[in-house]
Amino acid sequence: MLLTTLEYVPGKTINKHLGLVQGSTVRAKHAGKDIMAGIKNIFGGELKAYTELLQESREEAIERMKEQAQATGANAILNIRFSTSSITQGAAEIYTYGTAVILE
């Protein structure tokens, strides 16, 4: 499955447009990691626990989007975008979406 943020793929032709595909996940912070992040916030530096949490969340949202695209028969997803929103105190949604197509 080809994934790209481009609206088209150079050298390829869009044979069929299959529509919007999406994937999302909602994740909550771990209390212990949150305490350590608070301490790190005082002294500065990267909050590695949150970096890892966001990376895992993006990967899960992408995988769900790919599964949806594969179910439509797509071989590529174009114009991929990401969005993040706060759901509740300590929990956030990572949402990814794009256009499923069949490329030649």
N, C-alpha and C. Protein backbone atom coordinates (compact mmCIF):
# COMPACT_ATOMS: atom_id res chain seq x y z
N MET A 1 0.86 -1.17 0.00
CA MET A 1 0.00 0.00 0.00
C MET A 1 0.91 1.24 0.00
N LEU A 2 0.76 2.06 -1.01
CA LEU A 2 1.51 3.30 -1.10
C LEU A 2 0.80 4.38 -0.29
N LEU A 3 1.53 5.04 0.59
CA LEU A 3 0.99 6.13 1.41
C LEU A 3 1.75 7.40 1.08
N THR A 4 1.03 8.50 0.86
CA THR A 4 1.70 9.76 0.57
C THR A 4 0.84 10.95 0.98
N THR A 5 1.51 12.04 1.29
CA THR A 5 0.81 13.30 1.57
C THR A 5 0.58 14.09 0.29
N LEU A 6 1.12 13.61 -0.84
CA LEU A 6 0.92 14.27 -2.13
C LEU A 6 -0.50 14.03 -2.64
N GLU A 7 -0.96 14.90 -3.52
CA GLU A 7 -2.28 14.73 -4.12
C GLU A 7 -2.24 13.78 -5.31
N TYR A 8 -1.05 13.50 -5.80
CA TYR A 8 -0.86 12.56 -6.90
C TYR A 8 0.54 11.97 -6.75
N VAL A 9 0.80 10.91 -7.51
CA VAL A 9 2.12 10.28 -7.47
C VAL A 9 2.76 10.48 -8.85
N PRO A 10 3.88 11.17 -8.89
CA PRO A 10 4.55 11.40 -10.18
C PRO A 10 4.80 10.09 -10.91
N GLY A 11 4.45 10.07 -12.20
CA GLY A 11 4.66 8.89 -13.01
C GLY A 11 3.56 7.85 -12.91
N LYS A 12 2.58 8.07 -12.06
CA LYS A 12 1.46 7.12 -11.89
C LYS A 12 0.16 7.81 -12.28
N THR A 13 -0.79 7.01 -12.70
CA THR A 13 -2.12 7.51 -13.09
C THR A 13 -3.15 6.98 -12.11
N ILE A 14 -4.04 7.86 -11.67
CA ILE A 14 -5.14 7.42 -10.81
C ILE A 14 -6.18 6.76 -11.70
N ASN A 15 -6.33 5.46 -11.53
CA ASN A 15 -7.28 4.70 -12.34
C ASN A 15 -8.69 4.77 -11.77
N LYS A 16 -8.78 4.78 -10.42
CA LYS A 16 -10.09 4.82 -9.79
C LYS A 16 -9.99 5.51 -8.44
N HIS A 17 -10.94 6.40 -8.18
CA HIS A 17 -11.05 7.11 -6.91
C HIS A 17 -12.04 6.35 -6.05
N LEU A 18 -11.62 5.91 -4.86
CA LEU A 18 -12.47 5.08 -4.00
C LEU A 18 -13.01 5.83 -2.79
N GLY A 19 -12.60 7.06 -2.61
CA GLY A 19 -13.16 7.88 -1.54
C GLY A 19 -12.30 7.99 -0.30
N LEU A 20 -12.88 8.64 0.69
CA LEU A 20 -12.21 8.92 1.96
C LEU A 20 -12.03 7.65 2.78
N VAL A 21 -10.83 7.49 3.33
CA VAL A 21 -10.58 6.44 4.32
C VAL A 21 -9.99 7.12 5.54
N GLN A 22 -10.20 6.49 6.69
CA GLN A 22 -9.78 7.12 7.93
C GLN A 22 -9.40 6.09 8.98
N GLY A 23 -8.67 6.55 9.95
CA GLY A 23 -8.32 5.71 11.08
C GLY A 23 -8.09 6.61 12.28
N SER A 24 -8.43 6.10 13.45
CA SER A 24 -8.22 6.92 14.65
C SER A 24 -7.96 6.03 15.86
N THR A 25 -7.43 6.63 16.88
CA THR A 25 -7.25 5.97 18.16
C THR A 25 -7.32 7.04 19.24
N VAL A 26 -7.83 6.65 20.39
CA VAL A 26 -7.88 7.55 21.55
C VAL A 26 -6.99 6.93 22.61
N ARG A 27 -6.06 7.70 23.09
CA ARG A 27 -5.11 7.21 24.09
C ARG A 27 -5.13 8.10 25.32
N ALA A 28 -4.91 7.48 26.46
CA ALA A 28 -4.82 8.21 27.72
C ALA A 28 -3.39 8.13 28.25
N LYS A 29 -3.03 9.13 29.02
CA LYS A 29 -1.71 9.15 29.64
C LYS A 29 -1.66 8.16 30.80
N HIS A 30 -0.52 7.58 31.01
CA HIS A 30 -0.26 6.70 32.15
C HIS A 30 0.10 7.59 33.34
N ALA A 31 -0.53 7.39 34.47
CA ALA A 31 -0.33 8.26 35.64
C ALA A 31 1.14 8.37 36.04
N GLY A 32 1.85 7.24 36.06
CA GLY A 32 3.26 7.27 36.43
C GLY A 32 4.09 8.07 35.45
N LYS A 33 3.81 7.91 34.17
CA LYS A 33 4.53 8.66 33.14
C LYS A 33 4.18 10.15 33.23
N ASP A 34 2.94 10.43 33.61
CA ASP A 34 2.50 11.82 33.75
C ASP A 34 3.26 12.52 34.87
N ILE A 35 3.49 11.83 35.96
CA ILE A 35 4.24 12.40 37.09
C ILE A 35 5.69 12.67 36.66
N MET A 36 6.29 11.70 35.97
CA MET A 36 7.67 11.88 35.51
C MET A 36 7.76 13.02 34.50
N ALA A 37 6.75 13.15 33.64
CA ALA A 37 6.73 14.24 32.66
C ALA A 37 6.62 15.58 33.37
N GLY A 38 5.85 15.63 34.45
CA GLY A 38 5.74 16.87 35.23
C GLY A 38 7.08 17.29 35.81
N ILE A 39 7.84 16.32 36.31
CA ILE A 39 9.17 16.62 36.85
C ILE A 39 10.09 17.08 35.73
N LYS A 40 10.04 16.38 34.59
CA LYS A 40 10.88 16.73 33.44
C LYS A 40 10.52 18.14 32.95
N ASN A 41 9.25 18.49 33.04
CA ASN A 41 8.78 19.80 32.59
C ASN A 41 9.44 20.93 33.40
N ILE A 42 9.75 20.67 34.64
CA ILE A 42 10.40 21.67 35.49
C ILE A 42 11.82 21.94 35.01
N PHE A 43 12.54 20.88 34.67
CA PHE A 43 13.94 21.01 34.29
C PHE A 43 14.16 21.16 32.78
N GLY A 44 13.14 20.86 31.99
CA GLY A 44 13.25 20.97 30.54
C GLY A 44 13.72 19.68 29.91
N GLY A 45 13.58 19.61 28.60
CA GLY A 45 14.01 18.43 27.86
C GLY A 45 12.82 17.72 27.23
N GLU A 46 13.14 16.72 26.44
CA GLU A 46 12.10 15.97 25.73
C GLU A 46 11.30 15.10 26.69
N LEU A 47 10.01 15.07 26.50
CA LEU A 47 9.13 14.19 27.27
C LEU A 47 8.99 12.89 26.48
N LYS A 48 9.97 12.00 26.65
CA LYS A 48 10.07 10.80 25.82
C LYS A 48 8.86 9.89 25.94
N ALA A 49 8.25 9.82 27.11
CA ALA A 49 7.06 8.96 27.27
C ALA A 49 5.94 9.45 26.37
N TYR A 50 5.78 10.75 26.25
CA TYR A 50 4.74 11.30 25.38
C TYR A 50 5.10 11.16 23.91
N THR A 51 6.37 11.31 23.60
CA THR A 51 6.82 11.12 22.22
C THR A 51 6.50 9.69 21.77
N GLU A 52 6.81 8.72 22.62
CA GLU A 52 6.52 7.32 22.31
C GLU A 52 5.02 7.07 22.20
N LEU A 53 4.24 7.66 23.09
CA LEU A 53 2.79 7.51 23.07
C LEU A 53 2.20 8.04 21.76
N LEU A 54 2.66 9.20 21.33
CA LEU A 54 2.15 9.78 20.09
C LEU A 54 2.58 8.97 18.88
N GLN A 55 3.81 8.47 18.88
CA GLN A 55 4.28 7.64 17.76
C GLN A 55 3.45 6.37 17.65
N GLU A 56 3.21 5.70 18.76
CA GLU A 56 2.39 4.49 18.75
C GLU A 56 0.97 4.80 18.29
N SER A 57 0.44 5.93 18.71
CA SER A 57 -0.91 6.33 18.33
C SER A 57 -1.00 6.59 16.83
N ARG A 58 -0.01 7.30 16.27
CA ARG A 58 0.00 7.56 14.82
C ARG A 58 0.07 6.25 14.04
N GLU A 59 0.93 5.34 14.48
CA GLU A 59 1.07 4.06 13.79
C GLU A 59 -0.24 3.27 13.81
N GLU A 60 -0.93 3.28 14.95
CA GLU A 60 -2.20 2.56 15.06
C GLU A 60 -3.26 3.20 14.17
N ALA A 61 -3.35 4.52 14.14
CA ALA A 61 -4.32 5.21 13.30
C ALA A 61 -4.04 4.95 11.82
N ILE A 62 -2.77 4.96 11.43
CA ILE A 62 -2.40 4.68 10.03
C ILE A 62 -2.78 3.25 9.67
N GLU A 63 -2.51 2.31 10.55
CA GLU A 63 -2.84 0.90 10.27
C GLU A 63 -4.34 0.73 10.09
N ARG A 64 -5.15 1.39 10.89
CA ARG A 64 -6.60 1.30 10.75
C ARG A 64 -7.07 1.93 9.43
N MET A 65 -6.44 3.03 9.04
CA MET A 65 -6.77 3.66 7.77
C MET A 65 -6.40 2.73 6.61
N LYS A 66 -5.23 2.10 6.68
CA LYS A 66 -4.80 1.17 5.63
C LYS A 66 -5.76 -0.02 5.51
N GLU A 67 -6.21 -0.54 6.64
CA GLU A 67 -7.15 -1.66 6.63
C GLU A 67 -8.45 -1.26 5.92
N GLN A 68 -8.92 -0.06 6.18
CA GLN A 68 -10.14 0.42 5.53
C GLN A 68 -9.91 0.56 4.02
N ALA A 69 -8.76 1.07 3.64
CA ALA A 69 -8.44 1.24 2.22
C ALA A 69 -8.33 -0.11 1.52
N GLN A 70 -7.69 -1.07 2.16
CA GLN A 70 -7.55 -2.40 1.56
C GLN A 70 -8.91 -3.05 1.36
N ALA A 71 -9.85 -2.81 2.27
CA ALA A 71 -11.20 -3.37 2.14
C ALA A 71 -11.93 -2.81 0.92
N THR A 72 -11.54 -1.63 0.45
CA THR A 72 -12.17 -1.05 -0.74
C THR A 72 -11.46 -1.48 -2.02
N GLY A 73 -10.31 -2.15 -1.89
CA GLY A 73 -9.55 -2.57 -3.06
C GLY A 73 -8.47 -1.59 -3.48
N ALA A 74 -8.21 -0.57 -2.66
CA ALA A 74 -7.21 0.45 -2.99
C ALA A 74 -5.80 -0.13 -2.93
N ASN A 75 -4.91 0.49 -3.71
CA ASN A 75 -3.49 0.14 -3.60
C ASN A 75 -2.66 1.35 -3.19
N ALA A 76 -3.35 2.47 -2.91
CA ALA A 76 -2.65 3.68 -2.46
C ALA A 76 -3.62 4.57 -1.70
N ILE A 77 -3.04 5.39 -0.81
CA ILE A 77 -3.80 6.43 -0.12
C ILE A 77 -3.05 7.73 -0.34
N LEU A 78 -3.73 8.70 -0.93
CA LEU A 78 -3.13 9.98 -1.27
C LEU A 78 -3.62 11.07 -0.33
N ASN A 79 -2.86 12.17 -0.29
CA ASN A 79 -3.24 13.37 0.44
C ASN A 79 -3.53 13.08 1.92
N ILE A 80 -2.69 12.28 2.54
CA ILE A 80 -2.89 11.89 3.94
C ILE A 80 -2.67 13.09 4.85
N ARG A 81 -3.54 13.21 5.84
CA ARG A 81 -3.48 14.28 6.83
C ARG A 81 -3.68 13.68 8.22
N PHE A 82 -3.17 14.40 9.22
CA PHE A 82 -3.32 14.00 10.62
C PHE A 82 -4.00 15.12 11.40
N SER A 83 -4.74 14.72 12.40
CA SER A 83 -5.39 15.68 13.29
C SER A 83 -5.32 15.12 14.71
N THR A 84 -5.18 16.00 15.66
CA THR A 84 -5.17 15.61 17.07
C THR A 84 -6.18 16.46 17.81
N SER A 85 -6.93 15.82 18.69
CA SER A 85 -7.89 16.58 19.49
C SER A 85 -7.95 16.01 20.90
N SER A 86 -8.23 16.86 21.83
CA SER A 86 -8.38 16.46 23.22
C SER A 86 -9.80 15.93 23.43
N ILE A 87 -9.92 14.74 23.96
CA ILE A 87 -11.22 14.12 24.20
C ILE A 87 -11.71 14.46 25.60
N THR A 88 -10.82 14.30 26.56
CA THR A 88 -11.11 14.58 27.95
C THR A 88 -9.78 14.85 28.65
N GLN A 89 -9.82 15.25 29.89
CA GLN A 89 -8.58 15.49 30.63
C GLN A 89 -7.71 14.24 30.60
N GLY A 90 -6.54 14.34 30.00
CA GLY A 90 -5.59 13.24 29.98
C GLY A 90 -5.76 12.26 28.83
N ALA A 91 -6.69 12.52 27.90
CA ALA A 91 -6.88 11.61 26.76
C ALA A 91 -7.00 12.42 25.48
N ALA A 92 -6.40 11.89 24.42
CA ALA A 92 -6.41 12.60 23.14
C ALA A 92 -6.67 11.61 22.01
N GLU A 93 -7.24 12.13 20.93
CA GLU A 93 -7.48 11.33 19.74
C GLU A 93 -6.47 11.72 18.66
N ILE A 94 -5.92 10.71 18.01
CA ILE A 94 -5.13 10.91 16.81
C ILE A 94 -6.00 10.40 15.67
N TYR A 95 -6.22 11.26 14.69
CA TYR A 95 -7.10 10.93 13.56
C TYR A 95 -6.31 11.14 12.28
N THR A 96 -6.34 10.16 11.40
CA THR A 96 -5.67 10.29 10.12
C THR A 96 -6.65 9.95 9.01
N TYR A 97 -6.51 10.64 7.89
CA TYR A 97 -7.44 10.42 6.78
C TYR A 97 -6.75 10.72 5.47
N GLY A 98 -7.30 10.14 4.42
CA GLY A 98 -6.75 10.35 3.09
C GLY A 98 -7.71 9.84 2.04
N THR A 99 -7.28 9.88 0.79
CA THR A 99 -8.10 9.45 -0.33
C THR A 99 -7.60 8.11 -0.85
N ALA A 100 -8.46 7.11 -0.81
CA ALA A 100 -8.13 5.78 -1.32
C ALA A 100 -8.28 5.78 -2.84
N VAL A 101 -7.27 5.25 -3.51
CA VAL A 101 -7.28 5.19 -4.98
C VAL A 101 -6.66 3.89 -5.46
N ILE A 102 -6.90 3.62 -6.74
CA ILE A 102 -6.17 2.55 -7.42
C ILE A 102 -5.27 3.24 -8.44
N LEU A 103 -3.98 3.02 -8.29
CA LEU A 103 -2.99 3.61 -9.19
C LEU A 103 -2.55 2.61 -10.24
N GLU A 104 -2.24 3.11 -11.42
CA GLU A 104 -1.64 2.29 -12.49
C GLU A 104 -0.20 2.67 -12.65
